[in-house]
Amino acid sequence: MKRFEVKVRYTFDGHYVVRAASEADAARMVSNQCGLTLGGDIHTALDVIACPDWEFPIRPDMRVLSIKDKSDGTL
């Protein structure tokens, strides 16, 4: 049986609702205090006043990027 390396990309698209003085401040707040960990949850260190809501899908979009034959003749 052959072995293949299948490179994939998982993409989550969603949004945070933040209260900020400017677009630059909003971008900085989300960049510095919001995130995602694999096997964990989407999270924010912002309080409910600064970030009252966010919405992300439960499952990401998945796209196969490439497939390489990694067979070397052994099992």
PDB file of N, CA and C in Angstrom:
ATOM      1  N   MET A   1       0.833  -1.162   0.000  1.00  0.00           N
ATOM      2  CA  MET A   1       0.000   0.000   0.000  1.00  0.00           C
ATOM      3  C   MET A   1       0.886   1.236   0.000  1.00  0.00           C
ATOM      4  N   LYS A   2       0.542   2.239  -0.781  1.00  0.00           N
ATOM      5  CA  LYS A   2       1.329   3.472  -0.867  1.00  0.00           C
ATOM      6  C   LYS A   2       1.019   4.395   0.300  1.00  0.00           C
ATOM      7  N   ARG A   3       1.963   5.275   0.571  1.00  0.00           N
ATOM      8  CA  ARG A   3       1.779   6.320   1.580  1.00  0.00           C
ATOM      9  C   ARG A   3       1.771   7.664   0.887  1.00  0.00           C
ATOM     10  N   PHE A   4       0.932   8.552   1.343  1.00  0.00           N
ATOM     11  CA  PHE A   4       0.833   9.882   0.763  1.00  0.00           C
ATOM     12  C   PHE A   4       0.846  10.931   1.867  1.00  0.00           C
ATOM     13  N   GLU A   5       1.526  12.016   1.577  1.00  0.00           N
ATOM     14  CA  GLU A   5       1.467  13.181   2.445  1.00  0.00           C
ATOM     15  C   GLU A   5       0.439  14.120   1.828  1.00  0.00           C
ATOM     16  N   VAL A   6      -0.616  14.410   2.560  1.00  0.00           N
ATOM     17  CA  VAL A   6      -1.688  15.268   2.060  1.00  0.00           C
ATOM     18  C   VAL A   6      -1.664  16.563   2.875  1.00  0.00           C
ATOM     19  N   LYS A   7      -1.292  17.643   2.219  1.00  0.00           N
ATOM     20  CA  LYS A   7      -1.221  18.936   2.881  1.00  0.00           C
ATOM     21  C   LYS A   7      -2.597  19.595   2.786  1.00  0.00           C
ATOM     22  N   VAL A   8      -3.101  20.070   3.927  1.00  0.00           N
ATOM     23  CA  VAL A   8      -4.426  20.686   3.970  1.00  0.00           C
ATOM     24  C   VAL A   8      -4.359  22.036   4.680  1.00  0.00           C
ATOM     25  N   ARG A   9      -5.382  22.836   4.454  1.00  0.00           N
ATOM     26  CA  ARG A   9      -5.523  24.119   5.152  1.00  0.00           C
ATOM     27  C   ARG A   9      -6.917  24.162   5.752  1.00  0.00           C
ATOM     28  N   TYR A  10      -6.979  24.444   7.052  1.00  0.00           N
ATOM     29  CA  TYR A  10      -8.249  24.645   7.740  1.00  0.00           C
ATOM     30  C   TYR A  10      -8.428  26.143   7.953  1.00  0.00           C
ATOM     31  N   THR A  11      -9.597  26.644   7.632  1.00  0.00           N
ATOM     32  CA  THR A  11      -9.856  28.075   7.734  1.00  0.00           C
ATOM     33  C   THR A  11     -11.121  28.339   8.536  1.00  0.00           C
ATOM     34  N   PHE A  12     -11.006  29.179   9.530  1.00  0.00           N
ATOM     35  CA  PHE A  12     -12.148  29.672  10.283  1.00  0.00           C
ATOM     36  C   PHE A  12     -12.347  31.130   9.915  1.00  0.00           C
ATOM     37  N   ASP A  13     -13.518  31.490   9.515  1.00  0.00           N
ATOM     38  CA  ASP A  13     -13.848  32.892   9.272  1.00  0.00           C
ATOM     39  C   ASP A  13     -14.956  33.277  10.227  1.00  0.00           C
ATOM     40  N   GLY A  14     -14.738  34.332  10.960  1.00  0.00           N
ATOM     41  CA  GLY A  14     -15.731  34.806  11.904  1.00  0.00           C
ATOM     42  C   GLY A  14     -15.454  36.255  12.235  1.00  0.00           C
ATOM     43  N   HIS A  15     -16.060  36.730  13.308  1.00  0.00           N
ATOM     44  CA  HIS A  15     -15.835  38.128  13.669  1.00  0.00           C
ATOM     45  C   HIS A  15     -15.962  38.335  15.177  1.00  0.00           C
ATOM     46  N   TYR A  16     -15.279  39.359  15.643  1.00  0.00           N
ATOM     47  CA  TYR A  16     -15.418  39.859  17.002  1.00  0.00           C
ATOM     48  C   TYR A  16     -16.119  41.201  16.913  1.00  0.00           C
ATOM     49  N   VAL A  17     -16.974  41.502  17.853  1.00  0.00           N
ATOM     50  CA  VAL A  17     -17.555  42.833  17.993  1.00  0.00           C
ATOM     51  C   VAL A  17     -16.801  43.492  19.140  1.00  0.00           C
ATOM     52  N   VAL A  18     -16.109  44.606  18.858  1.00  0.00           N
ATOM     53  CA  VAL A  18     -15.332  45.287  19.901  1.00  0.00           C
ATOM     54  C   VAL A  18     -15.687  46.764  19.941  1.00  0.00           C
ATOM     55  N   ARG A  19     -15.550  47.326  21.126  1.00  0.00           N
ATOM     56  CA  ARG A  19     -15.712  48.765  21.306  1.00  0.00           C
ATOM     57  C   ARG A  19     -14.311  49.353  21.401  1.00  0.00           C
ATOM     58  N   ALA A  20     -13.997  50.286  20.501  1.00  0.00           N
ATOM     59  CA  ALA A  20     -12.658  50.879  20.463  1.00  0.00           C
ATOM     60  C   ALA A  20     -12.766  52.302  19.935  1.00  0.00           C
ATOM     61  N   ALA A  21     -11.721  53.079  20.170  1.00  0.00           N
ATOM     62  CA  ALA A  21     -11.698  54.473  19.728  1.00  0.00           C
ATOM     63  C   ALA A  21     -11.484  54.602  18.229  1.00  0.00           C
ATOM     64  N   SER A  22     -10.851  53.612  17.604  1.00  0.00           N
ATOM     65  CA  SER A  22     -10.558  53.686  16.171  1.00  0.00           C
ATOM     66  C   SER A  22     -10.433  52.277  15.597  1.00  0.00           C
ATOM     67  N   GLU A  23     -10.385  52.200  14.285  1.00  0.00           N
ATOM     68  CA  GLU A  23     -10.162  50.905  13.631  1.00  0.00           C
ATOM     69  C   GLU A  23      -8.819  50.320  14.032  1.00  0.00           C
ATOM     70  N   ALA A  24      -7.802  51.168  14.109  1.00  0.00           N
ATOM     71  CA  ALA A  24      -6.464  50.695  14.497  1.00  0.00           C
ATOM     72  C   ALA A  24      -6.487  50.117  15.918  1.00  0.00           C
ATOM     73  N   ASP A  25      -7.187  50.801  16.836  1.00  0.00           N
ATOM     74  CA  ASP A  25      -7.307  50.282  18.202  1.00  0.00           C
ATOM     75  C   ASP A  25      -8.062  48.962  18.221  1.00  0.00           C
ATOM     76  N   ALA A  26      -9.138  48.855  17.430  1.00  0.00           N
ATOM     77  CA  ALA A  26      -9.913  47.605  17.367  1.00  0.00           C
ATOM     78  C   ALA A  26      -9.044  46.462  16.851  1.00  0.00           C
ATOM     79  N   ALA A  27      -8.290  46.714  15.789  1.00  0.00           N
ATOM     80  CA  ALA A  27      -7.405  45.687  15.231  1.00  0.00           C
ATOM     81  C   ALA A  27      -6.351  45.281  16.244  1.00  0.00           C
ATOM     82  N   ARG A  28      -5.773  46.242  16.954  1.00  0.00           N
ATOM     83  CA  ARG A  28      -4.741  45.955  17.959  1.00  0.00           C
ATOM     84  C   ARG A  28      -5.327  45.139  19.116  1.00  0.00           C
ATOM     85  N   MET A  29      -6.517  45.492  19.572  1.00  0.00           N
ATOM     86  CA  MET A  29      -7.160  44.768  20.666  1.00  0.00           C
ATOM     87  C   MET A  29      -7.372  43.303  20.291  1.00  0.00           C
ATOM     88  N   VAL A  30      -7.910  43.066  19.097  1.00  0.00           N
ATOM     89  CA  VAL A  30      -8.174  41.688  18.666  1.00  0.00           C
ATOM     90  C   VAL A  30      -6.866  40.938  18.439  1.00  0.00           C
ATOM     91  N   SER A  31      -5.888  41.586  17.809  1.00  0.00           N
ATOM     92  CA  SER A  31      -4.598  40.928  17.555  1.00  0.00           C
ATOM     93  C   SER A  31      -3.895  40.535  18.848  1.00  0.00           C
ATOM     94  N   ASN A  32      -3.966  41.396  19.841  1.00  0.00           N
ATOM     95  CA  ASN A  32      -3.227  41.165  21.086  1.00  0.00           C
ATOM     96  C   ASN A  32      -3.979  40.337  22.121  1.00  0.00           C
ATOM     97  N   GLN A  33      -5.312  40.324  22.079  1.00  0.00           N
ATOM     98  CA  GLN A  33      -6.040  39.737  23.194  1.00  0.00           C
ATOM     99  C   GLN A  33      -7.086  38.690  22.802  1.00  0.00           C
ATOM    100  N   CYS A  34      -7.113  38.299  21.556  1.00  0.00           N
ATOM    101  CA  CYS A  34      -8.064  37.276  21.120  1.00  0.00           C
ATOM    102  C   CYS A  34      -7.301  36.179  20.380  1.00  0.00           C
ATOM    103  N   GLY A  35      -7.823  34.960  20.394  1.00  0.00           N
ATOM    104  CA  GLY A  35      -7.103  33.904  19.709  1.00  0.00           C
ATOM    105  C   GLY A  35      -7.850  32.593  19.684  1.00  0.00           C
ATOM    106  N   LEU A  36      -7.157  31.591  19.203  1.00  0.00           N
ATOM    107  CA  LEU A  36      -7.699  30.243  19.080  1.00  0.00           C
ATOM    108  C   LEU A  36      -6.566  29.269  19.345  1.00  0.00           C
ATOM    109  N   THR A  37      -6.852  28.244  20.132  1.00  0.00           N
ATOM    110  CA  THR A  37      -5.893  27.178  20.320  1.00  0.00           C
ATOM    111  C   THR A  37      -6.499  25.881  19.816  1.00  0.00           C
ATOM    112  N   LEU A  38      -5.708  25.113  19.111  1.00  0.00           N
ATOM    113  CA  LEU A  38      -6.179  23.840  18.583  1.00  0.00           C
ATOM    114  C   LEU A  38      -6.549  22.923  19.736  1.00  0.00           C
ATOM    115  N   GLY A  39      -7.724  22.347  19.663  1.00  0.00           N
ATOM    116  CA  GLY A  39      -8.205  21.493  20.734  1.00  0.00           C
ATOM    117  C   GLY A  39      -8.832  22.277  21.869  1.00  0.00           C
ATOM    118  N   GLY A  40      -8.854  23.585  21.725  1.00  0.00           N
ATOM    119  CA  GLY A  40      -9.440  24.431  22.759  1.00  0.00           C
ATOM    120  C   GLY A  40     -10.589  25.239  22.202  1.00  0.00           C
ATOM    121  N   ASP A  41     -10.717  26.407  22.702  1.00  0.00           N
ATOM    122  CA  ASP A  41     -11.817  27.276  22.317  1.00  0.00           C
ATOM    123  C   ASP A  41     -11.300  28.577  21.735  1.00  0.00           C
ATOM    124  N   ILE A  42     -12.168  29.228  20.970  1.00  0.00           N
ATOM    125  CA  ILE A  42     -11.901  30.612  20.593  1.00  0.00           C
ATOM    126  C   ILE A  42     -12.086  31.416  21.873  1.00  0.00           C
ATOM    127  N   HIS A  43     -11.171  32.324  22.141  1.00  0.00           N
ATOM    128  CA  HIS A  43     -11.207  33.024  23.410  1.00  0.00           C
ATOM    129  C   HIS A  43     -10.787  34.473  23.255  1.00  0.00           C
ATOM    130  N   THR A  44     -11.059  35.252  24.276  1.00  0.00           N
ATOM    131  CA  THR A  44     -10.595  36.620  24.345  1.00  0.00           C
ATOM    132  C   THR A  44     -10.273  36.966  25.789  1.00  0.00           C
ATOM    133  N   ALA A  45      -9.277  37.809  25.980  1.00  0.00           N
ATOM    134  CA  ALA A  45      -8.940  38.328  27.297  1.00  0.00           C
ATOM    135  C   ALA A  45      -9.658  39.652  27.547  1.00  0.00           C
ATOM    136  N   LEU A  46     -10.406  40.133  26.538  1.00  0.00           N
ATOM    137  CA  LEU A  46     -11.162  41.371  26.685  1.00  0.00           C
ATOM    138  C   LEU A  46     -12.400  41.114  27.538  1.00  0.00           C
ATOM    139  N   ASP A  47     -12.814  42.119  28.304  1.00  0.00           N
ATOM    140  CA  ASP A  47     -14.032  41.947  29.098  1.00  0.00           C
ATOM    141  C   ASP A  47     -15.271  42.146  28.234  1.00  0.00           C
ATOM    142  N   VAL A  48     -16.417  41.867  28.797  1.00  0.00           N
ATOM    143  CA  VAL A  48     -17.676  41.910  28.040  1.00  0.00           C
ATOM    144  C   VAL A  48     -18.021  43.338  27.599  1.00  0.00           C
ATOM    145  N   ILE A  49     -17.495  44.337  28.261  1.00  0.00           N
ATOM    146  CA  ILE A  49     -17.718  45.726  27.842  1.00  0.00           C
ATOM    147  C   ILE A  49     -16.954  46.006  26.550  1.00  0.00           C
ATOM    148  N   ALA A  50     -15.686  45.584  26.496  1.00  0.00           N
ATOM    149  CA  ALA A  50     -14.854  45.829  25.319  1.00  0.00           C
ATOM    150  C   ALA A  50     -15.200  44.901  24.168  1.00  0.00           C
ATOM    151  N   CYS A  51     -15.615  43.688  24.482  1.00  0.00           N
ATOM    152  CA  CYS A  51     -15.928  42.697  23.446  1.00  0.00           C
ATOM    153  C   CYS A  51     -17.216  41.975  23.832  1.00  0.00           C
ATOM    154  N   PRO A  52     -18.362  42.568  23.505  1.00  0.00           N
ATOM    155  CA  PRO A  52     -19.616  41.969  23.946  1.00  0.00           C
ATOM    156  C   PRO A  52     -20.040  40.708  23.192  1.00  0.00           C
ATOM    157  N   ASP A  53     -19.435  40.441  22.033  1.00  0.00           N
ATOM    158  CA  ASP A  53     -19.900  39.301  21.254  1.00  0.00           C
ATOM    159  C   ASP A  53     -18.844  38.875  20.242  1.00  0.00           C
ATOM    160  N   TRP A  54     -18.903  37.602  19.850  1.00  0.00           N
ATOM    161  CA  TRP A  54     -18.146  37.102  18.714  1.00  0.00           C
ATOM    162  C   TRP A  54     -18.890  35.923  18.138  1.00  0.00           C
ATOM    163  N   GLU A  55     -18.585  35.605  16.876  1.00  0.00           N
ATOM    164  CA  GLU A  55     -19.243  34.485  16.224  1.00  0.00           C
ATOM    165  C   GLU A  55     -18.283  33.806  15.259  1.00  0.00           C
ATOM    166  N   PHE A  56     -18.104  32.503  15.442  1.00  0.00           N
ATOM    167  CA  PHE A  56     -17.270  31.682  14.577  1.00  0.00           C
ATOM    168  C   PHE A  56     -17.988  30.351  14.366  1.00  0.00           C
ATOM    169  N   PRO A  57     -17.802  29.739  13.213  1.00  0.00           N
ATOM    170  CA  PRO A  57     -18.425  28.442  12.990  1.00  0.00           C
ATOM    171  C   PRO A  57     -17.771  27.376  13.862  1.00  0.00           C
ATOM    172  N   ILE A  58     -18.490  26.299  14.105  1.00  0.00           N
ATOM    173  CA  ILE A  58     -17.949  25.195  14.901  1.00  0.00           C
ATOM    174  C   ILE A  58     -16.912  24.415  14.106  1.00  0.00           C
ATOM    175  N   ARG A  59     -17.149  24.254  12.825  1.00  0.00           N
ATOM    176  CA  ARG A  59     -16.248  23.483  11.964  1.00  0.00           C
ATOM    177  C   ARG A  59     -15.598  24.400  10.925  1.00  0.00           C
ATOM    178  N   PRO A  60     -14.311  24.198  10.681  1.00  0.00           N
ATOM    179  CA  PRO A  60     -13.633  25.039   9.687  1.00  0.00           C
ATOM    180  C   PRO A  60     -13.904  24.553   8.267  1.00  0.00           C
ATOM    181  N   ASP A  61     -13.603  25.424   7.310  1.00  0.00           N
ATOM    182  CA  ASP A  61     -13.533  24.996   5.915  1.00  0.00           C
ATOM    183  C   ASP A  61     -12.217  24.253   5.749  1.00  0.00           C
ATOM    184  N   MET A  62     -12.185  23.222   4.909  1.00  0.00           N
ATOM    185  CA  MET A  62     -10.961  22.462   4.691  1.00  0.00           C
ATOM    186  C   MET A  62     -10.686  22.374   3.207  1.00  0.00           C
ATOM    187  N   ARG A  63      -9.430  22.595   2.833  1.00  0.00           N
ATOM    188  CA  ARG A  63      -9.020  22.527   1.437  1.00  0.00           C
ATOM    189  C   ARG A  63      -7.743  21.714   1.324  1.00  0.00           C
ATOM    190  N   VAL A  64      -7.732  20.751   0.397  1.00  0.00           N
ATOM    191  CA  VAL A  64      -6.522  19.976   0.134  1.00  0.00           C
ATOM    192  C   VAL A  64      -5.599  20.844  -0.720  1.00  0.00           C
ATOM    193  N   LEU A  65      -4.369  21.059  -0.264  1.00  0.00           N
ATOM    194  CA  LEU A  65      -3.419  21.913  -0.974  1.00  0.00           C
ATOM    195  C   LEU A  65      -2.521  21.124  -1.915  1.00  0.00           C
ATOM    196  N   SER A  66      -2.076  19.951  -1.477  1.00  0.00           N
ATOM    197  CA  SER A  66      -1.195  19.147  -2.320  1.00  0.00           C
ATOM    198  C   SER A  66      -1.169  17.714  -1.815  1.00  0.00           C
ATOM    199  N   ILE A  67      -0.771  16.815  -2.713  1.00  0.00           N
ATOM    200  CA  ILE A  67      -0.606  15.405  -2.357  1.00  0.00           C
ATOM    201  C   ILE A  67       0.730  14.952  -2.918  1.00  0.00           C
ATOM    202  N   LYS A  68       1.581  14.358  -2.060  1.00  0.00           N
ATOM    203  CA  LYS A  68       2.882  13.862  -2.475  1.00  0.00           C
ATOM    204  C   LYS A  68       2.973  12.368  -2.192  1.00  0.00           C
ATOM    205  N   ASP A  69       3.474  11.619  -3.145  1.00  0.00           N
ATOM    206  CA  ASP A  69       3.702  10.187  -2.962  1.00  0.00           C
ATOM    207  C   ASP A  69       4.917  10.024  -2.069  1.00  0.00           C
ATOM    208  N   LYS A  70       4.740   9.453  -0.899  1.00  0.00           N
ATOM    209  CA  LYS A  70       5.827   9.241   0.054  1.00  0.00           C
ATOM    210  C   LYS A  70       6.218   7.774   0.146  1.00  0.00           C
ATOM    211  N   SER A  71       5.789   6.990  -0.839  1.00  0.00           N
ATOM    212  CA  SER A  71       6.114   5.565  -0.838  1.00  0.00           C
ATOM    213  C   SER A  71       7.600   5.363  -1.037  1.00  0.00           C
ATOM    214  N   ASP A  72       8.163   4.492  -0.234  1.00  0.00           N
ATOM    215  CA  ASP A  72       9.578   4.196  -0.383  1.00  0.00           C
ATOM    216  C   ASP A  72       9.807   2.713  -0.613  1.00  0.00           C
ATOM    217  N   GLY A  73       8.741   1.990  -0.901  1.00  0.00           N
ATOM    218  CA  GLY A  73       8.872   0.571  -1.180  1.00  0.00           C
ATOM    219  C   GLY A  73       8.730  -0.320   0.022  1.00  0.00           C
ATOM    220  N   THR A  74       8.660   0.296   1.245  1.00  0.00           N
ATOM    221  CA  THR A  74       8.470  -0.503   2.453  1.00  0.00           C
ATOM    222  C   THR A  74       7.106  -0.202   3.044  1.00  0.00           C
ATOM    223  N   LEU A  75       6.645  -1.104   3.903  1.00  0.00           N
ATOM    224  CA  LEU A  75       5.345  -0.900   4.549  1.00  0.00           C
ATOM    225  C   LEU A  75       5.457  -0.069   5.774  1.00  0.00           C
TER     226      LEU A  75
END
